[in-house]
Amino acid sequence: YAVDQGNTVFLVSWSNPDKSLDKTTWDQYVEQGAIQAIRVAQQIYGQEQLNMLGFCVGGTIISTALAVLAARGEHPASSLTLLTTFLDFSDTGVLDVFVDEAQVARREKTLGAGGLMPGRDLASTFSSLRPNDLVWNYVQSNYLKGNEPVPFD
């Protein structure tokens, strides 16, 4: 849709980390990922300011990058739209059940070498945020009623 409206669109997605990234810090990820992507888009597009959109952790990353750049006196965003993005982690709302001190300590012990979380664990966490839709619906239908699971992917 955006392209049909005459906009030039650059899409940046984070990569699935592997062992080569296990020592990468947040600052490095922001500098070498998001800020570098902004610079490349500016160069290709030939404009200093860009309209930006960030989704979930991508919004947190791009917001961090823009804050770093603002501290340097650079303002590359003409606009910024954020979708389901945390900026203030002092009150994580419903996520508190997953990020209290005990949960974080337990998770740190299970991450293993390289500090990587298995995708199935992340999927399970997100399913737990909407238990009626993403967990109990299947327990009720499949286990209690014996229905075949409906493909949804």
N, C-alpha and C. Protein backbone atom coordinates (compact mmCIF):
# COMPACT_ATOMS: atom_id res chain seq x y z
N TYR A 1 0.82 -1.18 0.00
CA TYR A 1 0.00 0.00 0.00
C TYR A 1 0.88 1.26 0.00
N ALA A 2 1.87 1.28 0.85
CA ALA A 2 2.73 2.47 0.94
C ALA A 2 3.43 2.74 -0.38
N VAL A 3 3.90 1.69 -1.04
CA VAL A 3 4.57 1.86 -2.34
C VAL A 3 3.57 2.37 -3.36
N ASP A 4 2.35 1.83 -3.36
CA ASP A 4 1.32 2.29 -4.29
C ASP A 4 0.99 3.77 -4.09
N GLN A 5 1.24 4.28 -2.90
CA GLN A 5 0.99 5.69 -2.62
C GLN A 5 2.18 6.58 -2.96
N GLY A 6 3.20 5.99 -3.56
CA GLY A 6 4.36 6.76 -3.99
C GLY A 6 5.49 6.83 -2.99
N ASN A 7 5.43 6.02 -1.94
CA ASN A 7 6.48 6.03 -0.93
C ASN A 7 7.56 5.01 -1.27
N THR A 8 8.79 5.36 -0.96
CA THR A 8 9.89 4.41 -1.04
C THR A 8 9.95 3.70 0.30
N VAL A 9 9.96 2.38 0.29
CA VAL A 9 9.88 1.61 1.53
C VAL A 9 11.15 0.77 1.70
N PHE A 10 11.75 0.87 2.88
CA PHE A 10 12.86 0.02 3.28
C PHE A 10 12.36 -0.80 4.46
N LEU A 11 12.59 -2.08 4.45
CA LEU A 11 12.15 -2.94 5.53
C LEU A 11 13.38 -3.55 6.19
N VAL A 12 13.47 -3.39 7.50
CA VAL A 12 14.58 -3.94 8.25
C VAL A 12 14.00 -4.88 9.29
N SER A 13 14.53 -6.08 9.36
CA SER A 13 14.08 -7.05 10.34
C SER A 13 15.30 -7.55 11.11
N TRP A 14 15.10 -7.88 12.35
CA TRP A 14 16.21 -8.43 13.10
C TRP A 14 16.49 -9.84 12.61
N SER A 15 17.69 -10.30 12.85
CA SER A 15 18.06 -11.64 12.40
C SER A 15 17.95 -12.60 13.57
N ASN A 16 17.76 -13.86 13.26
CA ASN A 16 17.80 -14.87 14.30
C ASN A 16 19.25 -15.00 14.74
N PRO A 17 19.53 -14.75 16.00
CA PRO A 17 20.92 -14.78 16.45
C PRO A 17 21.49 -16.20 16.44
N ASP A 18 22.77 -16.26 16.23
CA ASP A 18 23.49 -17.52 16.35
C ASP A 18 24.69 -17.27 17.25
N LYS A 19 25.55 -18.25 17.38
CA LYS A 19 26.69 -18.14 18.30
C LYS A 19 27.58 -16.94 17.99
N SER A 20 27.64 -16.53 16.72
CA SER A 20 28.51 -15.40 16.36
C SER A 20 28.04 -14.09 16.99
N LEU A 21 26.81 -14.04 17.46
CA LEU A 21 26.28 -12.81 18.07
C LEU A 21 26.15 -12.91 19.59
N ASP A 22 26.64 -13.97 20.19
CA ASP A 22 26.40 -14.17 21.61
C ASP A 22 27.06 -13.14 22.52
N LYS A 23 28.02 -12.41 22.03
CA LYS A 23 28.67 -11.37 22.84
C LYS A 23 28.22 -9.96 22.43
N THR A 24 27.28 -9.88 21.51
CA THR A 24 26.81 -8.58 21.02
C THR A 24 25.98 -7.89 22.10
N THR A 25 26.29 -6.64 22.38
CA THR A 25 25.55 -5.88 23.38
C THR A 25 24.39 -5.14 22.71
N TRP A 26 23.49 -4.64 23.53
CA TRP A 26 22.37 -3.83 23.02
C TRP A 26 22.91 -2.61 22.26
N ASP A 27 23.91 -1.96 22.83
CA ASP A 27 24.49 -0.77 22.18
C ASP A 27 25.06 -1.12 20.81
N GLN A 28 25.75 -2.23 20.71
CA GLN A 28 26.31 -2.65 19.42
C GLN A 28 25.20 -2.97 18.43
N TYR A 29 24.18 -3.65 18.90
CA TYR A 29 23.07 -4.02 18.03
C TYR A 29 22.39 -2.77 17.48
N VAL A 30 22.18 -1.78 18.35
CA VAL A 30 21.55 -0.53 17.92
C VAL A 30 22.45 0.22 16.94
N GLU A 31 23.73 0.33 17.27
CA GLU A 31 24.67 1.08 16.42
C GLU A 31 24.90 0.40 15.08
N GLN A 32 25.22 -0.89 15.13
CA GLN A 32 25.59 -1.61 13.91
C GLN A 32 24.38 -2.13 13.13
N GLY A 33 23.23 -2.15 13.77
CA GLY A 33 22.01 -2.60 13.11
C GLY A 33 21.13 -1.44 12.71
N ALA A 34 20.42 -0.88 13.68
CA ALA A 34 19.42 0.15 13.38
C ALA A 34 20.03 1.43 12.84
N ILE A 35 21.06 1.94 13.48
CA ILE A 35 21.65 3.21 13.02
C ILE A 35 22.29 3.03 11.65
N GLN A 36 22.96 1.92 11.45
CA GLN A 36 23.54 1.65 10.13
C GLN A 36 22.45 1.54 9.07
N ALA A 37 21.33 0.90 9.40
CA ALA A 37 20.21 0.78 8.45
C ALA A 37 19.64 2.15 8.10
N ILE A 38 19.53 3.03 9.09
CA ILE A 38 19.06 4.40 8.82
C ILE A 38 20.01 5.10 7.86
N ARG A 39 21.30 4.97 8.11
CA ARG A 39 22.29 5.63 7.25
C ARG A 39 22.22 5.10 5.80
N VAL A 40 22.07 3.80 5.65
CA VAL A 40 21.98 3.21 4.31
C VAL A 40 20.71 3.69 3.61
N ALA A 41 19.59 3.71 4.31
CA ALA A 41 18.34 4.18 3.72
C ALA A 41 18.45 5.65 3.31
N GLN A 42 19.06 6.47 4.16
CA GLN A 42 19.26 7.89 3.81
C GLN A 42 20.09 8.02 2.55
N GLN A 43 21.14 7.24 2.46
CA GLN A 43 22.04 7.30 1.31
C GLN A 43 21.33 6.85 0.03
N ILE A 44 20.63 5.74 0.09
CA ILE A 44 19.93 5.23 -1.09
C ILE A 44 18.81 6.18 -1.51
N TYR A 45 18.04 6.64 -0.53
CA TYR A 45 16.87 7.48 -0.80
C TYR A 45 17.27 8.91 -1.13
N GLY A 46 18.43 9.32 -0.65
CA GLY A 46 18.89 10.68 -0.91
C GLY A 46 18.21 11.74 -0.08
N GLN A 47 17.67 11.34 1.05
CA GLN A 47 16.99 12.27 1.96
C GLN A 47 17.57 12.11 3.36
N GLU A 48 17.62 13.21 4.09
CA GLU A 48 18.11 13.17 5.47
C GLU A 48 17.06 12.62 6.43
N GLN A 49 15.79 12.95 6.18
CA GLN A 49 14.73 12.52 7.10
C GLN A 49 13.86 11.44 6.47
N LEU A 50 13.48 10.49 7.30
CA LEU A 50 12.70 9.34 6.86
C LEU A 50 11.49 9.17 7.77
N ASN A 51 10.40 8.66 7.22
CA ASN A 51 9.25 8.24 8.03
C ASN A 51 9.55 6.82 8.49
N MET A 52 9.40 6.57 9.78
CA MET A 52 9.80 5.28 10.33
C MET A 52 8.64 4.63 11.08
N LEU A 53 8.64 3.31 11.07
CA LEU A 53 7.66 2.52 11.80
C LEU A 53 8.40 1.41 12.51
N GLY A 54 8.08 1.21 13.77
CA GLY A 54 8.69 0.13 14.54
C GLY A 54 7.61 -0.72 15.17
N PHE A 55 7.82 -2.03 15.15
CA PHE A 55 6.85 -2.97 15.69
C PHE A 55 7.50 -3.82 16.77
N CYS A 56 6.87 -3.89 17.92
CA CYS A 56 7.32 -4.71 19.05
C CYS A 56 8.76 -4.32 19.44
N VAL A 57 9.65 -5.27 19.57
CA VAL A 57 11.03 -4.96 19.96
C VAL A 57 11.71 -4.11 18.89
N GLY A 58 11.27 -4.25 17.64
CA GLY A 58 11.80 -3.38 16.58
C GLY A 58 11.52 -1.92 16.88
N GLY A 59 10.38 -1.63 17.49
CA GLY A 59 10.06 -0.26 17.90
C GLY A 59 10.96 0.21 19.02
N THR A 60 11.27 -0.69 19.95
CA THR A 60 12.19 -0.36 21.03
C THR A 60 13.58 -0.08 20.47
N ILE A 61 14.00 -0.90 19.51
CA ILE A 61 15.32 -0.73 18.90
C ILE A 61 15.40 0.59 18.14
N ILE A 62 14.41 0.88 17.30
CA ILE A 62 14.46 2.11 16.51
C ILE A 62 14.32 3.34 17.41
N SER A 63 13.54 3.24 18.48
CA SER A 63 13.42 4.36 19.42
C SER A 63 14.75 4.61 20.12
N THR A 64 15.43 3.54 20.51
CA THR A 64 16.75 3.68 21.12
C THR A 64 17.72 4.33 20.15
N ALA A 65 17.70 3.87 18.90
CA ALA A 65 18.59 4.43 17.88
C ALA A 65 18.32 5.92 17.68
N LEU A 66 17.06 6.30 17.62
CA LEU A 66 16.73 7.71 17.43
C LEU A 66 17.14 8.55 18.64
N ALA A 67 17.04 7.99 19.84
CA ALA A 67 17.49 8.71 21.03
C ALA A 67 19.00 8.91 21.00
N VAL A 68 19.74 7.88 20.59
CA VAL A 68 21.20 7.99 20.48
C VAL A 68 21.55 9.07 19.45
N LEU A 69 20.89 9.02 18.31
CA LEU A 69 21.18 10.00 17.26
C LEU A 69 20.79 11.42 17.70
N ALA A 70 19.69 11.56 18.42
CA ALA A 70 19.29 12.89 18.92
C ALA A 70 20.34 13.44 19.87
N ALA A 71 20.91 12.56 20.71
CA ALA A 71 21.97 13.00 21.63
C ALA A 71 23.21 13.47 20.86
N ARG A 72 23.37 12.98 19.65
CA ARG A 72 24.48 13.40 18.79
C ARG A 72 24.12 14.60 17.92
N GLY A 73 22.90 15.10 18.10
CA GLY A 73 22.46 16.25 17.31
C GLY A 73 21.89 15.89 15.95
N GLU A 74 21.61 14.62 15.73
CA GLU A 74 21.04 14.17 14.46
C GLU A 74 19.56 13.82 14.66
N HIS A 75 18.75 14.17 13.67
CA HIS A 75 17.31 13.93 13.77
C HIS A 75 16.80 13.36 12.45
N PRO A 76 17.05 12.06 12.20
CA PRO A 76 16.73 11.47 10.91
C PRO A 76 15.27 11.09 10.71
N ALA A 77 14.44 11.19 11.74
CA ALA A 77 13.05 10.78 11.61
C ALA A 77 12.15 11.97 11.33
N SER A 78 11.47 11.91 10.20
CA SER A 78 10.43 12.90 9.92
C SER A 78 9.19 12.55 10.73
N SER A 79 8.96 11.25 10.88
CA SER A 79 7.87 10.76 11.73
C SER A 79 8.26 9.38 12.25
N LEU A 80 7.64 9.00 13.35
CA LEU A 80 7.88 7.69 13.94
C LEU A 80 6.54 7.13 14.40
N THR A 81 6.19 5.96 13.92
CA THR A 81 4.98 5.26 14.34
C THR A 81 5.42 3.99 15.04
N LEU A 82 4.88 3.76 16.24
CA LEU A 82 5.23 2.58 17.02
C LEU A 82 3.99 1.72 17.24
N LEU A 83 4.14 0.43 17.04
CA LEU A 83 3.06 -0.53 17.25
C LEU A 83 3.50 -1.56 18.29
N THR A 84 2.69 -1.75 19.31
CA THR A 84 2.96 -2.69 20.41
C THR A 84 4.42 -2.63 20.87
N THR A 85 4.87 -1.44 21.18
CA THR A 85 6.27 -1.21 21.53
C THR A 85 6.39 -0.76 22.98
N PHE A 86 7.27 -1.41 23.74
CA PHE A 86 7.60 -0.95 25.09
C PHE A 86 8.69 0.10 25.01
N LEU A 87 8.46 1.22 25.69
CA LEU A 87 9.50 2.24 25.84
C LEU A 87 9.85 2.44 27.31
N ASP A 88 8.87 2.29 28.18
CA ASP A 88 9.07 2.47 29.61
C ASP A 88 8.93 1.10 30.28
N PHE A 89 10.05 0.51 30.64
CA PHE A 89 10.04 -0.83 31.20
C PHE A 89 9.83 -0.84 32.71
N SER A 90 9.55 0.33 33.31
CA SER A 90 9.31 0.37 34.75
C SER A 90 7.96 -0.23 35.11
N ASP A 91 7.01 -0.27 34.17
CA ASP A 91 5.71 -0.90 34.39
C ASP A 91 5.39 -1.71 33.14
N THR A 92 5.64 -3.00 33.21
CA THR A 92 5.46 -3.86 32.03
C THR A 92 4.07 -4.47 31.96
N GLY A 93 3.17 -4.04 32.84
CA GLY A 93 1.80 -4.52 32.77
C GLY A 93 1.70 -6.03 32.89
N VAL A 94 0.96 -6.63 31.97
CA VAL A 94 0.70 -8.07 32.01
C VAL A 94 1.99 -8.88 31.88
N LEU A 95 3.04 -8.30 31.34
CA LEU A 95 4.30 -9.03 31.21
C LEU A 95 5.02 -9.21 32.54
N ASP A 96 4.57 -8.52 33.59
CA ASP A 96 5.22 -8.65 34.90
C ASP A 96 5.35 -10.10 35.34
N VAL A 97 4.38 -10.92 34.98
CA VAL A 97 4.42 -12.32 35.38
C VAL A 97 5.63 -13.04 34.78
N PHE A 98 6.16 -12.52 33.68
CA PHE A 98 7.30 -13.15 33.02
C PHE A 98 8.63 -12.49 33.33
N VAL A 99 8.62 -11.30 33.90
CA VAL A 99 9.88 -10.57 34.06
C VAL A 99 10.18 -10.15 35.50
N ASP A 100 9.63 -10.84 36.48
CA ASP A 100 10.03 -10.52 37.85
C ASP A 100 11.42 -11.10 38.09
N GLU A 101 12.03 -10.74 39.20
CA GLU A 101 13.41 -11.15 39.48
C GLU A 101 13.59 -12.67 39.45
N ALA A 102 12.64 -13.40 40.02
CA ALA A 102 12.76 -14.86 40.06
C ALA A 102 12.71 -15.45 38.65
N GLN A 103 11.80 -14.95 37.83
CA GLN A 103 11.69 -15.46 36.45
C GLN A 103 12.94 -15.14 35.64
N VAL A 104 13.45 -13.94 35.81
CA VAL A 104 14.66 -13.55 35.07
C VAL A 104 15.83 -14.44 35.49
N ALA A 105 16.00 -14.66 36.79
CA ALA A 105 17.09 -15.51 37.28
C ALA A 105 16.95 -16.93 36.73
N ARG A 106 15.72 -17.46 36.74
CA ARG A 106 15.50 -18.81 36.21
C ARG A 106 15.79 -18.86 34.71
N ARG A 107 15.36 -17.85 33.99
CA ARG A 107 15.58 -17.82 32.54
C ARG A 107 17.07 -17.72 32.23
N GLU A 108 17.80 -16.91 32.99
CA GLU A 108 19.24 -16.77 32.75
C GLU A 108 19.96 -18.11 32.91
N LYS A 109 19.48 -18.95 33.83
CA LYS A 109 20.10 -20.27 34.03
C LYS A 109 19.78 -21.22 32.89
N THR A 110 18.64 -21.05 32.23
CA THR A 110 18.23 -21.99 31.19
C THR A 110 18.62 -21.55 29.78
N LEU A 111 19.17 -20.36 29.64
CA LEU A 111 19.51 -19.88 28.30
C LEU A 111 20.65 -20.67 27.68
N GLY A 112 21.53 -21.19 28.48
CA GLY A 112 22.62 -22.00 27.95
C GLY A 112 23.72 -21.17 27.33
N ALA A 113 24.65 -21.88 26.73
CA ALA A 113 25.80 -21.23 26.10
C ALA A 113 25.33 -20.33 24.98
N GLY A 114 25.88 -19.15 24.94
CA GLY A 114 25.53 -18.22 23.88
C GLY A 114 24.35 -17.32 24.22
N GLY A 115 23.65 -17.59 25.32
CA GLY A 115 22.57 -16.72 25.74
C GLY A 115 21.37 -16.68 24.81
N LEU A 116 21.11 -17.78 24.11
CA LEU A 116 20.00 -17.80 23.16
C LEU A 116 18.78 -18.49 23.74
N MET A 117 17.61 -17.89 23.54
CA MET A 117 16.36 -18.47 23.97
C MET A 117 15.74 -19.25 22.81
N PRO A 118 15.38 -20.51 23.03
CA PRO A 118 14.74 -21.26 21.96
C PRO A 118 13.43 -20.59 21.52
N GLY A 119 13.17 -20.59 20.24
CA GLY A 119 11.97 -19.97 19.70
C GLY A 119 10.70 -20.51 20.31
N ARG A 120 10.67 -21.81 20.63
CA ARG A 120 9.47 -22.41 21.21
C ARG A 120 9.16 -21.79 22.57
N ASP A 121 10.19 -21.40 23.32
CA ASP A 121 9.97 -20.76 24.62
C ASP A 121 9.35 -19.38 24.44
N LEU A 122 9.83 -18.64 23.47
CA LEU A 122 9.27 -17.32 23.19
C LEU A 122 7.83 -17.45 22.71
N ALA A 123 7.56 -18.42 21.85
CA ALA A 123 6.20 -18.65 21.36
C ALA A 123 5.27 -19.00 22.52
N SER A 124 5.74 -19.83 23.44
CA SER A 124 4.95 -20.21 24.60
C SER A 124 4.62 -18.99 25.46
N THR A 125 5.59 -18.11 25.64
CA THR A 125 5.36 -16.89 26.41
C THR A 125 4.28 -16.04 25.77
N PHE A 126 4.37 -15.83 24.46
CA PHE A 126 3.37 -15.00 23.78
C PHE A 126 2.00 -15.67 23.80
N SER A 127 1.95 -17.00 23.71
CA SER A 127 0.67 -17.70 23.80
C SER A 127 0.04 -17.48 25.17
N SER A 128 0.86 -17.42 26.20
CA SER A 128 0.36 -17.23 27.55
C SER A 128 -0.22 -15.84 27.78
N LEU A 129 0.12 -14.89 26.92
CA LEU A 129 -0.44 -13.55 27.05
C LEU A 129 -1.92 -13.52 26.68
N ARG A 130 -2.35 -14.47 25.85
CA ARG A 130 -3.75 -14.58 25.45
C ARG A 130 -4.20 -16.02 25.66
N PRO A 131 -4.27 -16.46 26.92
CA PRO A 131 -4.51 -17.87 27.20
C PRO A 131 -5.85 -18.39 26.67
N ASN A 132 -6.91 -17.58 26.70
CA ASN A 132 -8.20 -18.07 26.21
C ASN A 132 -8.16 -18.38 24.73
N ASP A 133 -7.48 -17.54 23.96
CA ASP A 133 -7.41 -17.74 22.51
C ASP A 133 -6.33 -18.73 22.10
N LEU A 134 -5.18 -18.68 22.77
CA LEU A 134 -4.02 -19.40 22.28
C LEU A 134 -3.63 -20.64 23.07
N VAL A 135 -4.30 -20.88 24.20
CA VAL A 135 -3.98 -22.07 24.99
C VAL A 135 -5.26 -22.86 25.30
N TRP A 136 -6.16 -22.27 26.11
CA TRP A 136 -7.31 -23.02 26.59
C TRP A 136 -8.27 -23.42 25.49
N ASN A 137 -8.37 -22.63 24.45
CA ASN A 137 -9.20 -22.98 23.31
C ASN A 137 -8.82 -24.36 22.77
N TYR A 138 -7.51 -24.61 22.68
CA TYR A 138 -7.02 -25.89 22.15
C TYR A 138 -7.16 -27.01 23.17
N VAL A 139 -6.98 -26.70 24.43
CA VAL A 139 -7.17 -27.71 25.48
C VAL A 139 -8.62 -28.18 25.45
N GLN A 140 -9.54 -27.22 25.42
CA GLN A 140 -10.96 -27.54 25.39
C GLN A 140 -11.34 -28.34 24.15
N SER A 141 -10.99 -27.81 23.00
CA SER A 141 -11.40 -28.42 21.74
C SER A 141 -10.71 -29.76 21.48
N ASN A 142 -9.41 -29.80 21.63
CA ASN A 142 -8.65 -30.99 21.26
C ASN A 142 -8.66 -32.05 22.35
N TYR A 143 -8.35 -31.65 23.57
CA TYR A 143 -8.19 -32.62 24.64
C TYR A 143 -9.55 -33.04 25.22
N LEU A 144 -10.37 -32.05 25.60
CA LEU A 144 -11.63 -32.38 26.25
C LEU A 144 -12.68 -32.90 25.27
N LYS A 145 -12.76 -32.31 24.08
CA LYS A 145 -13.79 -32.69 23.11
C LYS A 145 -13.28 -33.68 22.07
N GLY A 146 -11.97 -33.89 21.99
CA GLY A 146 -11.41 -34.85 21.06
C GLY A 146 -11.41 -34.40 19.61
N ASN A 147 -11.56 -33.11 19.35
CA ASN A 147 -11.55 -32.60 17.98
C ASN A 147 -10.13 -32.53 17.43
N GLU A 148 -10.01 -32.70 16.11
CA GLU A 148 -8.72 -32.52 15.45
C GLU A 148 -8.35 -31.04 15.46
N PRO A 149 -7.08 -30.72 15.71
CA PRO A 149 -6.67 -29.31 15.68
C PRO A 149 -6.87 -28.72 14.28
N VAL A 150 -7.35 -27.49 14.24
CA VAL A 150 -7.55 -26.78 12.98
C VAL A 150 -6.23 -26.14 12.59
N PRO A 151 -5.75 -26.36 11.35
CA PRO A 151 -4.50 -25.70 10.94
C PRO A 151 -4.69 -24.19 10.89
N PHE A 152 -3.72 -23.46 11.40
CA PHE A 152 -3.84 -22.01 11.42
C PHE A 152 -2.59 -21.31 10.93
N ASP A 153 -1.58 -22.03 10.58
CA ASP A 153 -0.30 -21.41 10.24
C ASP A 153 -0.07 -21.37 8.76
